[in-house]
PDB file of N, CA and C in Angstrom:
ATOM      1  N   MET A   1     -10.022 -33.985 -10.649  1.00  0.00           N
ATOM      2  CA  MET A   1     -10.544 -32.414 -10.520  1.00  0.00           C
ATOM      3  C   MET A   1      -9.273 -31.416 -10.684  1.00  0.00           C
ATOM      4  N   ALA A   2      -8.935 -30.367 -11.913  1.00  0.00           N
ATOM      5  CA  ALA A   2      -8.231 -29.584 -11.535  1.00  0.00           C
ATOM      6  C   ALA A   2      -8.239 -28.533 -10.774  1.00  0.00           C
ATOM      7  N   PRO A   3      -7.161 -28.319  -9.784  1.00  0.00           N
ATOM      8  CA  PRO A   3      -7.090 -27.120  -8.778  1.00  0.00           C
ATOM      9  C   PRO A   3      -7.551 -25.496  -9.872  1.00  0.00           C
ATOM     10  N   PRO A   4      -8.703 -24.770  -9.291  1.00  0.00           N
ATOM     11  CA  PRO A   4      -8.925 -23.814  -9.890  1.00  0.00           C
ATOM     12  C   PRO A   4      -7.433 -22.707 -10.104  1.00  0.00           C
ATOM     13  N   VAL A   5      -7.904 -22.119 -11.608  1.00  0.00           N
ATOM     14  CA  VAL A   5      -7.121 -21.098 -11.770  1.00  0.00           C
ATOM     15  C   VAL A   5      -7.220 -20.083 -11.071  1.00  0.00           C
ATOM     16  N   PRO A   6      -5.803 -19.560 -10.865  1.00  0.00           N
ATOM     17  CA  PRO A   6      -5.908 -18.113 -10.195  1.00  0.00           C
ATOM     18  C   PRO A   6      -6.471 -16.542 -11.230  1.00  0.00           C
ATOM     19  N   SER A   7      -7.160 -15.914 -10.679  1.00  0.00           N
ATOM     20  CA  SER A   7      -7.353 -14.965 -11.691  1.00  0.00           C
ATOM     21  C   SER A   7      -6.245 -14.010 -11.731  1.00  0.00           C
ATOM     22  N   TYR A   8      -5.329 -13.781 -11.364  1.00  0.00           N
ATOM     23  CA  TYR A   8      -4.359 -12.860 -11.067  1.00  0.00           C
ATOM     24  C   TYR A   8      -2.825 -13.821 -11.267  1.00  0.00           C
ATOM     25  N   SER A   9      -2.129 -13.172 -11.796  1.00  0.00           N
ATOM     26  CA  SER A   9      -0.840 -13.849 -11.451  1.00  0.00           C
ATOM     27  C   SER A   9      -0.245 -13.631 -10.051  1.00  0.00           C
ATOM     28  N   ALA A  10       0.739 -14.061 -10.015  1.00  0.00           N
ATOM     29  CA  ALA A  10       1.765 -14.201  -8.612  1.00  0.00           C
ATOM     30  C   ALA A  10       2.265 -12.598  -8.652  1.00  0.00           C
ATOM     31  N   ALA A  11       2.751 -12.259  -9.743  1.00  0.00           N
ATOM     32  CA  ALA A  11       3.041 -10.713  -9.770  1.00  0.00           C
ATOM     33  C   ALA A  11       2.601  -9.744  -9.396  1.00  0.00           C
ATOM     34  N   HIS A  12       0.996  -9.791  -9.747  1.00  0.00           N
ATOM     35  CA  HIS A  12       0.333  -8.870  -9.418  1.00  0.00           C
ATOM     36  C   HIS A  12       0.067  -9.200  -8.328  1.00  0.00           C
ATOM     37  N   ARG A  13      -0.141  -9.796  -7.272  1.00  0.00           N
ATOM     38  CA  ARG A  13      -0.427 -10.074  -6.607  1.00  0.00           C
ATOM     39  C   ARG A  13       0.907  -9.788  -5.240  1.00  0.00           C
ATOM     40  N   LEU A  14       1.840  -9.677  -5.688  1.00  0.00           N
ATOM     41  CA  LEU A  14       2.976  -8.760  -4.913  1.00  0.00           C
ATOM     42  C   LEU A  14       2.998  -7.489  -5.002  1.00  0.00           C
ATOM     43  N   TYR A  15       2.527  -6.815  -6.371  1.00  0.00           N
ATOM     44  CA  TYR A  15       2.604  -5.479  -6.489  1.00  0.00           C
ATOM     45  C   TYR A  15       1.255  -4.861  -5.345  1.00  0.00           C
ATOM     46  N   VAL A  16       0.328  -5.580  -5.411  1.00  0.00           N
ATOM     47  CA  VAL A  16      -0.715  -5.074  -4.698  1.00  0.00           C
ATOM     48  C   VAL A  16      -0.364  -5.158  -3.252  1.00  0.00           C
ATOM     49  N   LYS A  17       0.377  -6.097  -3.051  1.00  0.00           N
ATOM     50  CA  LYS A  17       0.619  -6.254  -1.358  1.00  0.00           C
ATOM     51  C   LYS A  17       1.950  -5.283  -1.193  1.00  0.00           C
ATOM     52  N   SER A  18       2.791  -5.179  -2.065  1.00  0.00           N
ATOM     53  CA  SER A  18       3.608  -3.896  -2.158  1.00  0.00           C
ATOM     54  C   SER A  18       2.974  -2.541  -1.480  1.00  0.00           C
ATOM     55  N   LEU A  19       2.036  -2.533  -2.788  1.00  0.00           N
ATOM     56  CA  LEU A  19       1.351  -1.065  -2.960  1.00  0.00           C
ATOM     57  C   LEU A  19       0.482  -0.713  -1.372  1.00  0.00           C
ATOM     58  N   TYR A  20       0.050  -1.879  -0.664  1.00  0.00           N
ATOM     59  CA  TYR A  20      -1.070  -2.105   0.516  1.00  0.00           C
ATOM     60  C   TYR A  20       0.438  -1.502   1.488  1.00  0.00           C
ATOM     61  N   LYS A  21       1.949  -2.338   1.157  1.00  0.00           N
ATOM     62  CA  LYS A  21       2.682  -1.533   2.489  1.00  0.00           C
ATOM     63  C   LYS A  21       3.150  -0.866   2.753  1.00  0.00           C
ATOM     64  N   ARG A  22       3.218   0.090   1.206  1.00  0.00           N
ATOM     65  CA  ARG A  22       4.045   1.383   1.270  1.00  0.00           C
ATOM     66  C   ARG A  22       2.824   2.318   1.306  1.00  0.00           C
ATOM     67  N   TYR A  23       1.576   2.549   1.149  1.00  0.00           N
ATOM     68  CA  TYR A  23       0.366   2.776   1.764  1.00  0.00           C
ATOM     69  C   TYR A  23       0.813   3.166   3.405  1.00  0.00           C
ATOM     70  N   LEU A  24       0.704   1.808   3.979  1.00  0.00           N
ATOM     71  CA  LEU A  24       0.545   1.260   5.446  1.00  0.00           C
ATOM     72  C   LEU A  24       1.918   2.611   5.828  1.00  0.00           C
ATOM     73  N   VAL A  25       3.245   1.971   5.731  1.00  0.00           N
ATOM     74  CA  VAL A  25       4.619   2.676   6.087  1.00  0.00           C
ATOM     75  C   VAL A  25       4.287   4.099   5.812  1.00  0.00           C
ATOM     76  N   ASN A  26       4.212   4.617   4.883  1.00  0.00           N
ATOM     77  CA  ASN A  26       3.701   6.162   4.137  1.00  0.00           C
ATOM     78  C   ASN A  26       2.704   7.085   5.271  1.00  0.00           C
ATOM     79  N   SER A  27       1.334   6.272   5.717  1.00  0.00           N
ATOM     80  CA  SER A  27       0.974   6.417   6.829  1.00  0.00           C
ATOM     81  C   SER A  27       0.958   6.964   8.136  1.00  0.00           C
ATOM     82  N   LEU A  28       2.232   5.936   8.360  1.00  0.00           N
ATOM     83  CA  LEU A  28       2.723   5.857   9.854  1.00  0.00           C
ATOM     84  C   LEU A  28       3.780   6.965  10.212  1.00  0.00           C
ATOM     85  N   ASN A  29       4.356   7.513   8.922  1.00  0.00           N
ATOM     86  CA  ASN A  29       5.265   8.335   8.823  1.00  0.00           C
ATOM     87  C   ASN A  29       4.703   9.586   9.244  1.00  0.00           C
ATOM     88  N   TRP A  30       3.209   9.985   9.113  1.00  0.00           N
ATOM     89  CA  TRP A  30       2.612  10.969   9.768  1.00  0.00           C
ATOM     90  C   TRP A  30       1.932  10.868  10.528  1.00  0.00           C
ATOM     91  N   TYR A  31       1.731   9.689  11.535  1.00  0.00           N
ATOM     92  CA  TYR A  31       1.610   9.394  12.646  1.00  0.00           C
ATOM     93  C   TYR A  31       2.411   9.260  13.653  1.00  0.00           C
ATOM     94  N   ILE A  32       2.385   9.751  14.804  1.00  0.00           N
ATOM     95  CA  ILE A  32       3.430   9.714  15.898  1.00  0.00           C
ATOM     96  C   ILE A  32       2.540   8.552  17.081  1.00  0.00           C
ATOM     97  N   ARG A  33       1.306   9.102  17.162  1.00  0.00           N
ATOM     98  CA  ARG A  33       0.547   7.882  18.276  1.00  0.00           C
ATOM     99  C   ARG A  33       0.146   6.435  17.611  1.00  0.00           C
ATOM    100  N   ARG A  34       0.471   5.485  17.826  1.00  0.00           N
ATOM    101  CA  ARG A  34      -0.094   4.499  17.016  1.00  0.00           C
ATOM    102  C   ARG A  34      -1.769   4.347  17.168  1.00  0.00           C
ATOM    103  N   ASP A  35      -2.061   4.495  18.320  1.00  0.00           N
ATOM    104  CA  ASP A  35      -3.648   4.480  18.248  1.00  0.00           C
ATOM    105  C   ASP A  35      -3.988   5.301  17.074  1.00  0.00           C
ATOM    106  N   LEU A  36      -3.699   6.376  16.826  1.00  0.00           N
ATOM    107  CA  LEU A  36      -4.284   7.509  15.699  1.00  0.00           C
ATOM    108  C   LEU A  36      -3.841   6.983  14.104  1.00  0.00           C
ATOM    109  N   TRP A  37      -3.007   6.287  13.582  1.00  0.00           N
ATOM    110  CA  TRP A  37      -2.559   5.302  12.726  1.00  0.00           C
ATOM    111  C   TRP A  37      -3.380   4.196  12.752  1.00  0.00           C
ATOM    112  N   ARG A  38      -4.124   3.581  13.867  1.00  0.00           N
ATOM    113  CA  ARG A  38      -4.710   2.507  13.384  1.00  0.00           C
ATOM    114  C   ARG A  38      -5.901   3.018  12.721  1.00  0.00           C
ATOM    115  N   GLU A  39      -6.346   3.930  13.260  1.00  0.00           N
ATOM    116  CA  GLU A  39      -7.728   4.159  12.112  1.00  0.00           C
ATOM    117  C   GLU A  39      -7.330   4.516  10.824  1.00  0.00           C
ATOM    118  N   ARG A  40      -6.072   5.425  10.648  1.00  0.00           N
ATOM    119  CA  ARG A  40      -6.049   5.144   8.870  1.00  0.00           C
ATOM    120  C   ARG A  40      -5.712   4.161   8.773  1.00  0.00           C
ATOM    121  N   ALA A  41      -5.181   3.061   8.878  1.00  0.00           N
ATOM    122  CA  ALA A  41      -4.802   2.134   8.531  1.00  0.00           C
ATOM    123  C   ALA A  41      -6.559   1.159   8.233  1.00  0.00           C
ATOM    124  N   ILE A  42      -7.268   1.194   8.758  1.00  0.00           N
ATOM    125  CA  ILE A  42      -8.320   0.850   8.477  1.00  0.00           C
ATOM    126  C   ILE A  42      -8.857   0.774   7.259  1.00  0.00           C
ATOM    127  N   GLU A  43      -8.936   2.302   7.377  1.00  0.00           N
ATOM    128  CA  GLU A  43      -9.537   3.088   6.306  1.00  0.00           C
ATOM    129  C   GLU A  43      -8.791   2.645   4.867  1.00  0.00           C
ATOM    130  N   ILE A  44      -7.376   2.368   4.804  1.00  0.00           N
ATOM    131  CA  ILE A  44      -6.153   2.159   4.004  1.00  0.00           C
ATOM    132  C   ILE A  44      -7.127   0.586   3.526  1.00  0.00           C
ATOM    133  N   ARG A  45      -7.274  -0.094   4.582  1.00  0.00           N
ATOM    134  CA  ARG A  45      -7.598  -1.482   4.417  1.00  0.00           C
ATOM    135  C   ARG A  45      -9.110  -1.604   3.298  1.00  0.00           C
ATOM    136  N   ALA A  46     -10.329  -0.821   4.183  1.00  0.00           N
ATOM    137  CA  ALA A  46     -11.313  -0.497   3.517  1.00  0.00           C
ATOM    138  C   ALA A  46     -11.025  -0.280   1.793  1.00  0.00           C
ATOM    139  N   GLU A  47     -10.204   0.643   1.881  1.00  0.00           N
ATOM    140  CA  GLU A  47     -10.275   1.098   0.369  1.00  0.00           C
ATOM    141  C   GLU A  47      -9.318  -0.101  -0.870  1.00  0.00           C
ATOM    142  N   PHE A  48      -9.245  -0.965  -0.190  1.00  0.00           N
ATOM    143  CA  PHE A  48      -8.207  -1.781  -0.729  1.00  0.00           C
ATOM    144  C   PHE A  48      -8.865  -3.350  -1.039  1.00  0.00           C
ATOM    145  N   GLU A  49     -10.099  -3.240  -0.130  1.00  0.00           N
ATOM    146  CA  GLU A  49     -11.456  -4.089  -0.120  1.00  0.00           C
ATOM    147  C   GLU A  49     -12.085  -3.898  -1.094  1.00  0.00           C
ATOM    148  N   ARG A  50     -12.651  -2.563  -0.806  1.00  0.00           N
ATOM    149  CA  ARG A  50     -13.483  -2.289  -1.907  1.00  0.00           C
ATOM    150  C   ARG A  50     -13.261  -2.307  -3.247  1.00  0.00           C
ATOM    151  N   ASN A  51     -12.135  -2.271  -3.829  1.00  0.00           N
ATOM    152  CA  ASN A  51     -11.504  -2.768  -4.711  1.00  0.00           C
ATOM    153  C   ASN A  51     -10.860  -4.258  -4.903  1.00  0.00           C
ATOM    154  N   ARG A  52     -11.512  -5.160  -4.185  1.00  0.00           N
ATOM    155  CA  ARG A  52     -10.781  -6.557  -4.712  1.00  0.00           C
ATOM    156  C   ARG A  52     -11.430  -6.852  -5.605  1.00  0.00           C
ATOM    157  N   ASN A  53     -12.880  -7.035  -5.783  1.00  0.00           N
ATOM    158  CA  ASN A  53     -13.552  -7.611  -6.684  1.00  0.00           C
ATOM    159  C   ASN A  53     -13.716  -7.215  -7.523  1.00  0.00           C
ATOM    160  N   ILE A  54     -12.723  -5.970  -8.353  1.00  0.00           N
ATOM    161  CA  ILE A  54     -12.803  -5.502  -9.807  1.00  0.00           C
ATOM    162  C   ILE A  54     -11.809  -6.745 -10.736  1.00  0.00           C
ATOM    163  N   THR A  55     -12.480  -7.533 -12.062  1.00  0.00           N
ATOM    164  CA  THR A  55     -12.395  -8.039 -12.842  1.00  0.00           C
ATOM    165  C   THR A  55     -11.586  -7.638 -14.095  1.00  0.00           C
ATOM    166  N   ASP A  56     -12.442  -6.525 -14.467  1.00  0.00           N
ATOM    167  CA  ASP A  56     -11.813  -5.793 -15.843  1.00  0.00           C
ATOM    168  C   ASP A  56     -10.196  -5.189 -15.684  1.00  0.00           C
ATOM    169  N   PRO A  57      -9.557  -5.588 -16.572  1.00  0.00           N
ATOM    170  CA  PRO A  57      -8.173  -5.380 -16.398  1.00  0.00           C
ATOM    171  C   PRO A  57      -7.737  -3.765 -16.718  1.00  0.00           C
ATOM    172  N   ARG A  58      -8.526  -3.231 -17.507  1.00  0.00           N
ATOM    173  CA  ARG A  58      -8.567  -2.142 -18.259  1.00  0.00           C
ATOM    174  C   ARG A  58      -9.056  -0.912 -16.395  1.00  0.00           C
ATOM    175  N   ALA A  59     -10.020  -1.330 -15.337  1.00  0.00           N
ATOM    176  CA  ALA A  59     -10.309  -0.774 -14.792  1.00  0.00           C
ATOM    177  C   ALA A  59      -9.696  -0.518 -13.242  1.00  0.00           C
ATOM    178  N   LEU A  60      -8.844  -1.961 -13.401  1.00  0.00           N
ATOM    179  CA  LEU A  60      -7.683  -2.164 -12.115  1.00  0.00           C
ATOM    180  C   LEU A  60      -6.509  -1.873 -12.876  1.00  0.00           C
ATOM    181  N   ALA A  61      -6.438  -1.431 -14.039  1.00  0.00           N
ATOM    182  CA  ALA A  61      -5.157  -0.844 -14.226  1.00  0.00           C
ATOM    183  C   ALA A  61      -5.582   0.821 -13.731  1.00  0.00           C
ATOM    184  N   LEU A  62      -6.649   1.190 -14.002  1.00  0.00           N
ATOM    185  CA  LEU A  62      -6.852   2.866 -13.757  1.00  0.00           C
ATOM    186  C   LEU A  62      -6.814   2.821 -12.238  1.00  0.00           C
ATOM    187  N   VAL A  63      -7.646   2.214 -11.451  1.00  0.00           N
ATOM    188  CA  VAL A  63      -7.608   1.965 -10.382  1.00  0.00           C
ATOM    189  C   VAL A  63      -5.940   1.833  -9.599  1.00  0.00           C
ATOM    190  N   LEU A  64      -5.433   1.372 -10.072  1.00  0.00           N
ATOM    191  CA  LEU A  64      -4.294   1.045  -9.609  1.00  0.00           C
ATOM    192  C   LEU A  64      -3.296   2.366  -9.655  1.00  0.00           C
ATOM    193  N   GLU A  65      -3.367   2.754 -11.186  1.00  0.00           N
ATOM    194  CA  GLU A  65      -2.628   4.182 -11.486  1.00  0.00           C
ATOM    195  C   GLU A  65      -3.000   4.966 -10.580  1.00  0.00           C
ATOM    196  N   GLN A  66      -4.560   5.327 -10.089  1.00  0.00           N
ATOM    197  CA  GLN A  66      -4.986   6.648  -9.133  1.00  0.00           C
ATOM    198  C   GLN A  66      -4.235   6.602  -7.631  1.00  0.00           C
ATOM    199  N   ALA A  67      -4.035   5.302  -7.275  1.00  0.00           N
ATOM    200  CA  ALA A  67      -3.563   4.926  -6.042  1.00  0.00           C
ATOM    201  C   ALA A  67      -2.014   5.292  -6.238  1.00  0.00           C
ATOM    202  N   GLU A  68      -1.180   5.366  -7.300  1.00  0.00           N
ATOM    203  CA  GLU A  68      -0.499   5.336  -7.112  1.00  0.00           C
ATOM    204  C   GLU A  68       0.137   7.036  -6.838  1.00  0.00           C
ATOM    205  N   GLU A  69      -0.946   7.673  -7.932  1.00  0.00           N
ATOM    206  CA  GLU A  69      -0.497   8.945  -8.136  1.00  0.00           C
ATOM    207  C   GLU A  69      -0.838   9.916  -6.291  1.00  0.00           C
ATOM    208  N   ARG A  70      -2.291   8.847  -6.003  1.00  0.00           N
ATOM    209  CA  ARG A  70      -2.405   9.625  -4.695  1.00  0.00           C
ATOM    210  C   ARG A  70      -0.845   9.327  -3.834  1.00  0.00           C
ATOM    211  N   LEU A  71      -0.498   8.047  -3.954  1.00  0.00           N
ATOM    212  CA  LEU A  71       0.850   8.233  -2.595  1.00  0.00           C
ATOM    213  C   LEU A  71       1.684   8.529  -2.648  1.00  0.00           C
ATOM    214  N   ALA A  72       2.069   9.228  -3.997  1.00  0.00           N
ATOM    215  CA  ALA A  72       3.146   9.928  -4.798  1.00  0.00           C
ATOM    216  C   ALA A  72       2.942  11.447  -4.071  1.00  0.00           C
ATOM    217  N   LYS A  73       1.692  11.849  -4.048  1.00  0.00           N
ATOM    218  CA  LYS A  73       1.132  12.973  -3.853  1.00  0.00           C
ATOM    219  C   LYS A  73       1.036  13.319  -1.985  1.00  0.00           C
ATOM    220  N   GLU A  74       0.855  12.217  -1.498  1.00  0.00           N
ATOM    221  CA  GLU A  74       0.965  12.394   0.025  1.00  0.00           C
ATOM    222  C   GLU A  74       2.136  11.483   0.839  1.00  0.00           C
ATOM    223  N   ILE A  75       3.514  11.154  -0.354  1.00  0.00           N
ATOM    224  CA  ILE A  75       4.281  10.866   0.507  1.00  0.00           C
ATOM    225  C   ILE A  75       5.252  11.842   1.587  1.00  0.00           C
ATOM    226  N   HIS A  76       5.498  11.442   2.453  1.00  0.00           N
ATOM    227  CA  HIS A  76       5.869  12.153   3.570  1.00  0.00           C
ATOM    228  C   HIS A  76       7.175  12.544   3.391  1.00  0.00           C
ATOM    229  N   PRO A  77       7.808  13.919   3.668  1.00  0.00           N
ATOM    230  CA  PRO A  77       8.900  14.992   2.987  1.00  0.00           C
ATOM    231  C   PRO A  77      10.103  14.389   3.809  1.00  0.00           C
ATOM    232  N   ASP A  78      10.188  13.673   5.026  1.00  0.00           N
ATOM    233  CA  ASP A  78      11.070  13.147   6.108  1.00  0.00           C
ATOM    234  C   ASP A  78      10.627  12.060   6.695  1.00  0.00           C
ATOM    235  N   PRO A  79      10.377  11.129   5.881  1.00  0.00           N
ATOM    236  CA  PRO A  79       9.860   9.690   6.373  1.00  0.00           C
ATOM    237  C   PRO A  79      10.804   9.386   7.362  1.00  0.00           C
ATOM    238  N   TYR A  80      10.618   8.137   8.569  1.00  0.00           N
ATOM    239  CA  TYR A  80      11.080   7.859   9.726  1.00  0.00           C
ATOM    240  C   TYR A  80      11.995   6.891   9.014  1.00  0.00           C
ATOM    241  N   ARG A  81      13.763   7.003   9.225  1.00  0.00           N
ATOM    242  CA  ARG A  81      14.867   5.483   8.978  1.00  0.00           C
ATOM    243  C   ARG A  81      14.853   5.254  10.059  1.00  0.00           C
ATOM    244  N   PRO A  82      15.354   3.654   9.920  1.00  0.00           N
ATOM    245  CA  PRO A  82      15.673   3.130  11.271  1.00  0.00           C
ATOM    246  C   PRO A  82      17.099   3.680  11.710  1.00  0.00           C
ATOM    247  N   PRO A  83      17.674   3.847  12.940  1.00  0.00           N
ATOM    248  CA  PRO A  83      19.029   4.317  13.521  1.00  0.00           C
ATOM    249  C   PRO A  83      19.828   3.305  12.245  1.00  0.00           C
ATOM    250  N   LEU A  84      19.981   2.048  12.621  1.00  0.00           N
ATOM    251  CA  LEU A  84      21.106   1.396  11.481  1.00  0.00           C
ATOM    252  C   LEU A  84      20.700   1.453  10.293  1.00  0.00           C
ATOM    253  N   PHE A  85      19.893   1.800   9.595  1.00  0.00           N
ATOM    254  CA  PHE A  85      19.761   1.812   7.950  1.00  0.00           C
ATOM    255  C   PHE A  85      21.028   2.821   7.460  1.00  0.00           C
ATOM    256  N   PRO A  86      20.891   2.881   6.100  1.00  0.00           N
ATOM    257  CA  PRO A  86      21.879   3.768   5.606  1.00  0.00           C
ATOM    258  C   PRO A  86      20.470   5.295   5.728  1.00  0.00           C
ATOM    259  N   ASP A  87      21.236   6.328   5.769  1.00  0.00           N
ATOM    260  CA  ASP A  87      20.392   7.587   5.844  1.00  0.00           C
ATOM    261  C   ASP A  87      20.212   8.005   7.446  1.00  0.00           C
ATOM    262  N   GLY A  88      19.975   6.497   8.205  1.00  0.00           N
ATOM    263  CA  GLY A  88      19.691   6.676   9.923  1.00  0.00           C
ATOM    264  C   GLY A  88      20.572   7.576  10.609  1.00  0.00           C
ATOM    265  N   THR A  89      20.477   7.809  11.773  1.00  0.00           N
ATOM    266  CA  THR A  89      20.763   8.361  12.869  1.00  0.00           C
ATOM    267  C   THR A  89      22.011   8.088  13.097  1.00  0.00           C
ATOM    268  N   LYS A  90      22.497   6.661  13.063  1.00  0.00           N
ATOM    269  CA  LYS A  90      23.790   6.227  13.940  1.00  0.00           C
ATOM    270  C   LYS A  90      24.825   6.681  12.400  1.00  0.00           C
ATOM    271  N   TRP A  91      24.635   6.895  10.944  1.00  0.00           N
ATOM    272  CA  TRP A  91      25.343   7.267  10.463  1.00  0.00           C
ATOM    273  C   TRP A  91      25.804   8.508  10.126  1.00  0.00           C
TER     274      TRP A  91
END
């Protein structure tokens, strides 16, 4: 018996994972305390889980486009940079 065919490509899954991580990193830039950030991280996870079972490509494209717009609107003006990274405090 052949294995089941995945519904979305590996590139699509990588894009969604990247979007999720960018959401988490951006939200972490807005919070100093991890316990407060954790609540926001759970909200972000719930939002991604709500849209997990969308199978219509057009509806999915619309959801992803809205997520990108929301992320661009909420981007932190001065994000955290690790000290050894370019633009970090040791440069």
